[in-house]
Each structure stands twice: as C-alpha cells, then as structure tokens.
Amino acid sequence: MEYAVLLAIVVAALVAMQTYIKRGLSGRLRTSADSVGMPYEPSNTTSNVTLTVRTDTTTESSMERDRPIGGGETADVLVTKTTINESSTERSGDEWVGPLRRELWRRDEHGSARSP
C-alpha cells in the first residue's frame, strides 16, 4: 500500500513537470540549432536583423632591424602582435518563416521564437 502511494506521488510529480521538461528540451534544441546557423530559404524567409559586433583589441608593432632571414642575409622586419581583449556579438530584429503549415513564427526581443 505504501509503495503504491509513493509510486502515485512520483507519477503525479512527473506528469505535473511534463510541460516544463518539454519547454526545457525545446529551448536547448533551439539554442543548439541557432549555434549551427540561421535557417535560410530566400523564397520562404523574411528578416529584418541587426548584427552588432564589438571587439576590444590591442595592437603592438615593432621594427626589428637586421633580422636574419636565411642564407646569411638580414632584413628589417615589421612585427605586429594583436591581442583580442574582449569580443561580443548581439543579434536583434525580426525573422519570419513562410507558411509551411499556415503558421507565422516571429522572434521576440530575446531571440526566442514565438507565435504572434
């Protein structure tokens, strides 16, 4: 009897969490799909997207005089070192995929797909 009650509680908890589990898996699938690339079919996709890339770099250049270049010869060589300190990419806008099943999906301000 006690096992039946415990089993019923576990099953009820899983059924109650079913929606949240589905949403979590859908979110992970969407994130994975977005990291691969944007789906694009010219005849079926309309988008108005702004892509902002910010990069903070440091560049150091120096001239090395009479650097050996082989064969007993030397030359003046410009040495440049570029360090990327910080880089970020922000994608915003709207994207519509044509009616595959007469539905129109749109991205919200957080990049998540939603139905209007």
N, C-alpha and C. Protein backbone atom coordinates (compact mmCIF):
# COMPACT_ATOMS: atom_id res chain seq x y z
N MET A 1 0.82 -1.20 0.00
CA MET A 1 0.00 0.00 0.00
C MET A 1 0.86 1.26 0.00
N GLU A 2 1.91 1.25 0.86
CA GLU A 2 2.78 2.43 0.94
C GLU A 2 3.54 2.65 -0.36
N TYR A 3 3.95 1.55 -1.01
CA TYR A 3 4.66 1.66 -2.29
C TYR A 3 3.74 2.22 -3.37
N ALA A 4 2.49 1.84 -3.35
CA ALA A 4 1.52 2.33 -4.33
C ALA A 4 1.32 3.84 -4.18
N VAL A 5 1.25 4.32 -2.95
CA VAL A 5 1.08 5.75 -2.70
C VAL A 5 2.34 6.50 -3.16
N LEU A 6 3.50 5.98 -2.84
CA LEU A 6 4.77 6.59 -3.24
C LEU A 6 4.88 6.64 -4.76
N LEU A 7 4.52 5.52 -5.42
CA LEU A 7 4.55 5.47 -6.88
C LEU A 7 3.57 6.48 -7.47
N ALA A 8 2.39 6.61 -6.89
CA ALA A 8 1.41 7.57 -7.37
C ALA A 8 1.92 9.00 -7.24
N ILE A 9 2.61 9.31 -6.15
CA ILE A 9 3.16 10.66 -5.95
C ILE A 9 4.24 10.94 -6.99
N VAL A 10 5.10 9.97 -7.23
CA VAL A 10 6.18 10.16 -8.22
C VAL A 10 5.59 10.36 -9.61
N VAL A 11 4.62 9.56 -9.99
CA VAL A 11 3.98 9.70 -11.30
C VAL A 11 3.28 11.05 -11.42
N ALA A 12 2.57 11.46 -10.38
CA ALA A 12 1.89 12.76 -10.40
C ALA A 12 2.89 13.90 -10.55
N ALA A 13 4.04 13.80 -9.88
CA ALA A 13 5.06 14.84 -9.99
C ALA A 13 5.62 14.90 -11.41
N LEU A 14 5.88 13.75 -12.02
CA LEU A 14 6.40 13.72 -13.39
C LEU A 14 5.38 14.27 -14.39
N VAL A 15 4.11 13.95 -14.20
CA VAL A 15 3.07 14.47 -15.09
C VAL A 15 2.96 15.99 -14.94
N ALA A 16 3.06 16.48 -13.70
CA ALA A 16 2.97 17.92 -13.47
C ALA A 16 4.17 18.65 -14.07
N MET A 17 5.33 18.01 -14.09
CA MET A 17 6.54 18.64 -14.62
C MET A 17 6.70 18.44 -16.12
N GLN A 18 5.83 17.71 -16.75
CA GLN A 18 5.94 17.37 -18.15
C GLN A 18 6.08 18.60 -19.04
N THR A 19 5.28 19.62 -18.84
CA THR A 19 5.32 20.84 -19.64
C THR A 19 6.67 21.53 -19.50
N TYR A 20 7.17 21.62 -18.27
CA TYR A 20 8.44 22.30 -18.04
C TYR A 20 9.61 21.53 -18.65
N ILE A 21 9.54 20.20 -18.60
CA ILE A 21 10.58 19.38 -19.20
C ILE A 21 10.58 19.56 -20.72
N LYS A 22 9.40 19.58 -21.33
CA LYS A 22 9.30 19.79 -22.78
C LYS A 22 9.85 21.15 -23.17
N ARG A 23 9.50 22.19 -22.41
CA ARG A 23 9.99 23.54 -22.71
C ARG A 23 11.50 23.62 -22.58
N GLY A 24 12.04 22.97 -21.54
CA GLY A 24 13.49 22.97 -21.35
C GLY A 24 14.21 22.29 -22.50
N LEU A 25 13.69 21.15 -22.94
CA LEU A 25 14.30 20.44 -24.06
C LEU A 25 14.15 21.23 -25.36
N SER A 26 13.00 21.87 -25.56
CA SER A 26 12.80 22.69 -26.75
C SER A 26 13.77 23.87 -26.77
N GLY A 27 13.98 24.47 -25.61
CA GLY A 27 14.92 25.59 -25.52
C GLY A 27 16.33 25.17 -25.84
N ARG A 28 16.74 24.01 -25.32
CA ARG A 28 18.09 23.52 -25.62
C ARG A 28 18.23 23.19 -27.10
N LEU A 29 17.19 22.60 -27.69
CA LEU A 29 17.23 22.29 -29.11
C LEU A 29 17.33 23.57 -29.94
N ARG A 30 16.57 24.59 -29.57
CA ARG A 30 16.60 25.86 -30.29
C ARG A 30 17.98 26.52 -30.17
N THR A 31 18.55 26.49 -28.98
CA THR A 31 19.88 27.07 -28.77
C THR A 31 20.92 26.34 -29.62
N SER A 32 20.83 25.03 -29.67
CA SER A 32 21.76 24.26 -30.49
C SER A 32 21.58 24.57 -31.97
N ALA A 33 20.34 24.68 -32.41
CA ALA A 33 20.07 25.00 -33.81
C ALA A 33 20.56 26.40 -34.16
N ASP A 34 20.40 27.36 -33.26
CA ASP A 34 20.87 28.72 -33.51
C ASP A 34 22.38 28.79 -33.56
N SER A 35 23.06 27.95 -32.80
CA SER A 35 24.52 27.99 -32.81
C SER A 35 25.08 27.40 -34.11
N VAL A 36 24.33 26.54 -34.78
CA VAL A 36 24.77 25.97 -36.05
C VAL A 36 24.66 27.01 -37.15
N GLY A 37 23.62 27.80 -37.14
CA GLY A 37 23.42 28.82 -38.15
C GLY A 37 21.95 29.10 -38.34
N MET A 38 21.70 30.19 -39.01
CA MET A 38 20.32 30.59 -39.24
C MET A 38 19.75 29.82 -40.43
N PRO A 39 18.53 29.28 -40.30
CA PRO A 39 17.91 28.66 -41.47
C PRO A 39 17.57 29.74 -42.49
N TYR A 40 17.80 29.44 -43.73
CA TYR A 40 17.56 30.45 -44.75
C TYR A 40 17.07 29.80 -46.03
N GLU A 41 15.97 30.25 -46.50
CA GLU A 41 15.46 29.87 -47.79
C GLU A 41 14.87 31.15 -48.39
N PRO A 42 15.48 31.70 -49.42
CA PRO A 42 15.09 33.02 -49.92
C PRO A 42 13.60 33.17 -50.22
N SER A 43 12.99 32.14 -50.73
CA SER A 43 11.59 32.27 -51.10
C SER A 43 10.65 32.12 -49.91
N ASN A 44 11.18 31.72 -48.75
CA ASN A 44 10.31 31.41 -47.63
C ASN A 44 10.67 32.15 -46.34
N THR A 45 11.69 33.01 -46.37
CA THR A 45 12.15 33.68 -45.17
C THR A 45 12.21 35.19 -45.40
N THR A 46 11.70 35.94 -44.44
CA THR A 46 11.80 37.39 -44.45
C THR A 46 12.40 37.80 -43.12
N SER A 47 13.41 38.65 -43.15
CA SER A 47 14.04 39.04 -41.89
C SER A 47 14.45 40.50 -41.91
N ASN A 48 14.48 41.07 -40.74
CA ASN A 48 14.98 42.41 -40.50
C ASN A 48 15.85 42.30 -39.26
N VAL A 49 17.13 41.99 -39.46
CA VAL A 49 18.02 41.64 -38.36
C VAL A 49 19.20 42.60 -38.34
N THR A 50 19.57 43.04 -37.14
CA THR A 50 20.76 43.85 -36.95
C THR A 50 21.76 43.03 -36.17
N LEU A 51 22.96 42.90 -36.70
CA LEU A 51 24.02 42.16 -36.05
C LEU A 51 25.08 43.16 -35.63
N THR A 52 25.31 43.27 -34.32
CA THR A 52 26.29 44.21 -33.79
C THR A 52 27.45 43.43 -33.20
N VAL A 53 28.66 43.71 -33.68
CA VAL A 53 29.86 43.03 -33.19
C VAL A 53 30.75 44.08 -32.54
N ARG A 54 31.12 43.85 -31.29
CA ARG A 54 32.01 44.75 -30.57
C ARG A 54 33.27 43.99 -30.21
N THR A 55 34.42 44.56 -30.55
CA THR A 55 35.69 43.92 -30.27
C THR A 55 36.66 44.95 -29.71
N ASP A 56 37.28 44.61 -28.60
CA ASP A 56 38.31 45.45 -28.00
C ASP A 56 39.65 44.76 -28.23
N THR A 57 40.53 45.39 -29.04
CA THR A 57 41.81 44.78 -29.37
C THR A 57 42.95 45.71 -28.99
N THR A 58 44.10 45.12 -28.80
CA THR A 58 45.34 45.85 -28.58
C THR A 58 46.33 45.40 -29.64
N THR A 59 46.91 46.35 -30.36
CA THR A 59 47.88 46.02 -31.41
C THR A 59 49.21 46.68 -31.08
N GLU A 60 50.26 45.86 -31.09
CA GLU A 60 51.60 46.36 -30.85
C GLU A 60 52.44 46.06 -32.09
N SER A 61 53.14 47.07 -32.61
CA SER A 61 54.01 46.88 -33.77
C SER A 61 55.41 47.33 -33.40
N SER A 62 56.38 46.60 -33.90
CA SER A 62 57.77 46.99 -33.67
C SER A 62 58.60 46.62 -34.90
N MET A 63 59.65 47.38 -35.11
CA MET A 63 60.54 47.13 -36.24
C MET A 63 61.79 46.44 -35.71
N GLU A 64 62.08 45.27 -36.25
CA GLU A 64 63.30 44.56 -35.89
C GLU A 64 64.29 44.75 -37.02
N ARG A 65 65.37 45.43 -36.71
CA ARG A 65 66.39 45.74 -37.73
C ARG A 65 67.40 44.58 -37.83
N ASP A 66 67.83 44.35 -39.04
CA ASP A 66 68.86 43.35 -39.33
C ASP A 66 68.52 41.98 -38.76
N ARG A 67 67.27 41.55 -38.96
CA ARG A 67 66.85 40.22 -38.50
C ARG A 67 67.30 39.19 -39.53
N PRO A 68 67.92 38.09 -39.08
CA PRO A 68 68.36 37.06 -40.03
C PRO A 68 67.17 36.44 -40.75
N ILE A 69 67.25 36.35 -42.07
CA ILE A 69 66.15 35.75 -42.85
C ILE A 69 66.60 34.50 -43.59
N GLY A 70 67.81 34.07 -43.38
CA GLY A 70 68.31 32.85 -44.00
C GLY A 70 69.34 33.15 -45.08
N GLY A 71 70.17 32.20 -45.33
CA GLY A 71 71.20 32.36 -46.36
C GLY A 71 72.22 33.41 -46.00
N GLY A 72 72.38 33.70 -44.71
CA GLY A 72 73.34 34.70 -44.27
C GLY A 72 72.89 36.14 -44.50
N GLU A 73 71.64 36.32 -44.95
CA GLU A 73 71.15 37.67 -45.21
C GLU A 73 70.30 38.16 -44.04
N THR A 74 70.18 39.48 -43.94
CA THR A 74 69.35 40.09 -42.92
C THR A 74 68.41 41.10 -43.58
N ALA A 75 67.34 41.43 -42.84
CA ALA A 75 66.38 42.41 -43.36
C ALA A 75 65.71 43.10 -42.19
N ASP A 76 65.14 44.26 -42.46
CA ASP A 76 64.31 44.93 -41.46
C ASP A 76 62.92 44.31 -41.54
N VAL A 77 62.40 43.87 -40.39
CA VAL A 77 61.12 43.16 -40.36
C VAL A 77 60.17 43.88 -39.40
N LEU A 78 58.93 44.12 -39.87
CA LEU A 78 57.89 44.70 -39.02
C LEU A 78 57.15 43.56 -38.33
N VAL A 79 57.15 43.55 -37.00
CA VAL A 79 56.48 42.51 -36.21
C VAL A 79 55.24 43.13 -35.58
N THR A 80 54.10 42.53 -35.81
CA THR A 80 52.83 43.04 -35.28
C THR A 80 52.18 41.96 -34.43
N LYS A 81 51.76 42.35 -33.22
CA LYS A 81 51.07 41.44 -32.31
C LYS A 81 49.71 42.05 -31.98
N THR A 82 48.63 41.32 -32.28
CA THR A 82 47.28 41.78 -31.99
C THR A 82 46.66 40.87 -30.94
N THR A 83 46.14 41.47 -29.86
CA THR A 83 45.51 40.72 -28.79
C THR A 83 44.04 41.11 -28.72
N ILE A 84 43.15 40.13 -28.75
CA ILE A 84 41.72 40.38 -28.59
C ILE A 84 41.41 40.32 -27.11
N ASN A 85 41.09 41.48 -26.52
CA ASN A 85 40.80 41.55 -25.09
C ASN A 85 39.38 41.12 -24.78
N GLU A 86 38.44 41.54 -25.61
CA GLU A 86 37.03 41.22 -25.38
C GLU A 86 36.29 41.28 -26.71
N SER A 87 35.35 40.37 -26.89
CA SER A 87 34.56 40.35 -28.12
C SER A 87 33.13 39.93 -27.78
N SER A 88 32.15 40.63 -28.35
CA SER A 88 30.76 40.25 -28.14
C SER A 88 29.97 40.46 -29.43
N THR A 89 28.95 39.63 -29.61
CA THR A 89 28.08 39.71 -30.77
C THR A 89 26.64 39.77 -30.28
N GLU A 90 25.88 40.72 -30.82
CA GLU A 90 24.48 40.86 -30.43
C GLU A 90 23.63 40.82 -31.70
N ARG A 91 22.62 39.97 -31.70
CA ARG A 91 21.73 39.83 -32.84
C ARG A 91 20.33 40.23 -32.40
N SER A 92 19.72 41.16 -33.11
CA SER A 92 18.37 41.58 -32.75
C SER A 92 17.56 41.83 -34.01
N GLY A 93 16.26 41.75 -33.87
CA GLY A 93 15.38 42.00 -35.01
C GLY A 93 14.28 40.96 -35.10
N ASP A 94 13.67 40.92 -36.26
CA ASP A 94 12.56 40.00 -36.51
C ASP A 94 12.91 39.09 -37.67
N GLU A 95 12.33 37.90 -37.62
CA GLU A 95 12.53 36.94 -38.69
C GLU A 95 11.23 36.16 -38.88
N TRP A 96 10.77 36.08 -40.10
CA TRP A 96 9.53 35.36 -40.39
C TRP A 96 9.85 34.25 -41.38
N VAL A 97 9.35 33.07 -41.07
CA VAL A 97 9.48 31.94 -41.98
C VAL A 97 8.11 31.72 -42.61
N GLY A 98 8.10 31.56 -43.91
CA GLY A 98 6.85 31.43 -44.65
C GLY A 98 5.96 30.30 -44.15
N PRO A 99 4.72 30.30 -44.58
CA PRO A 99 3.71 29.37 -44.07
C PRO A 99 3.93 27.93 -44.54
N LEU A 100 4.61 27.15 -43.70
CA LEU A 100 4.75 25.74 -44.01
C LEU A 100 3.46 25.01 -43.68
N ARG A 101 2.82 25.42 -42.56
CA ARG A 101 1.54 24.86 -42.16
C ARG A 101 0.58 26.00 -41.86
N ARG A 102 0.71 27.08 -42.61
CA ARG A 102 -0.11 28.27 -42.43
C ARG A 102 0.12 28.92 -41.07
N GLU A 103 1.34 28.81 -40.55
CA GLU A 103 1.69 29.45 -39.28
C GLU A 103 2.78 30.47 -39.55
N LEU A 104 2.81 31.53 -38.79
CA LEU A 104 3.84 32.55 -38.89
C LEU A 104 4.56 32.64 -37.56
N TRP A 105 5.85 32.39 -37.56
CA TRP A 105 6.64 32.44 -36.33
C TRP A 105 7.51 33.67 -36.37
N ARG A 106 7.72 34.27 -35.21
CA ARG A 106 8.48 35.51 -35.13
C ARG A 106 9.39 35.45 -33.91
N ARG A 107 10.54 36.07 -34.00
CA ARG A 107 11.45 36.14 -32.87
C ARG A 107 11.10 37.35 -32.01
N ASP A 108 11.14 37.17 -30.68
CA ASP A 108 10.92 38.30 -29.80
C ASP A 108 12.24 38.99 -29.51
N GLU A 109 12.24 39.97 -28.61
CA GLU A 109 13.45 40.76 -28.35
C GLU A 109 14.57 39.96 -27.72
N HIS A 110 14.28 38.74 -27.22
CA HIS A 110 15.31 37.89 -26.63
C HIS A 110 15.82 36.84 -27.59
N GLY A 111 15.31 36.84 -28.82
CA GLY A 111 15.77 35.87 -29.81
C GLY A 111 15.00 34.57 -29.79
N SER A 112 13.95 34.46 -28.98
CA SER A 112 13.17 33.24 -28.89
C SER A 112 12.04 33.27 -29.92
N ALA A 113 11.76 32.11 -30.51
CA ALA A 113 10.66 32.03 -31.47
C ALA A 113 9.34 32.00 -30.74
N ARG A 114 8.37 32.70 -31.29
CA ARG A 114 7.04 32.68 -30.69
C ARG A 114 6.01 32.91 -31.78
N SER A 115 4.82 32.48 -31.51
CA SER A 115 3.72 32.69 -32.45
C SER A 115 3.05 34.00 -32.12
N PRO A 116 2.72 34.81 -33.14
CA PRO A 116 2.08 36.11 -32.86
C PRO A 116 0.69 35.98 -32.32
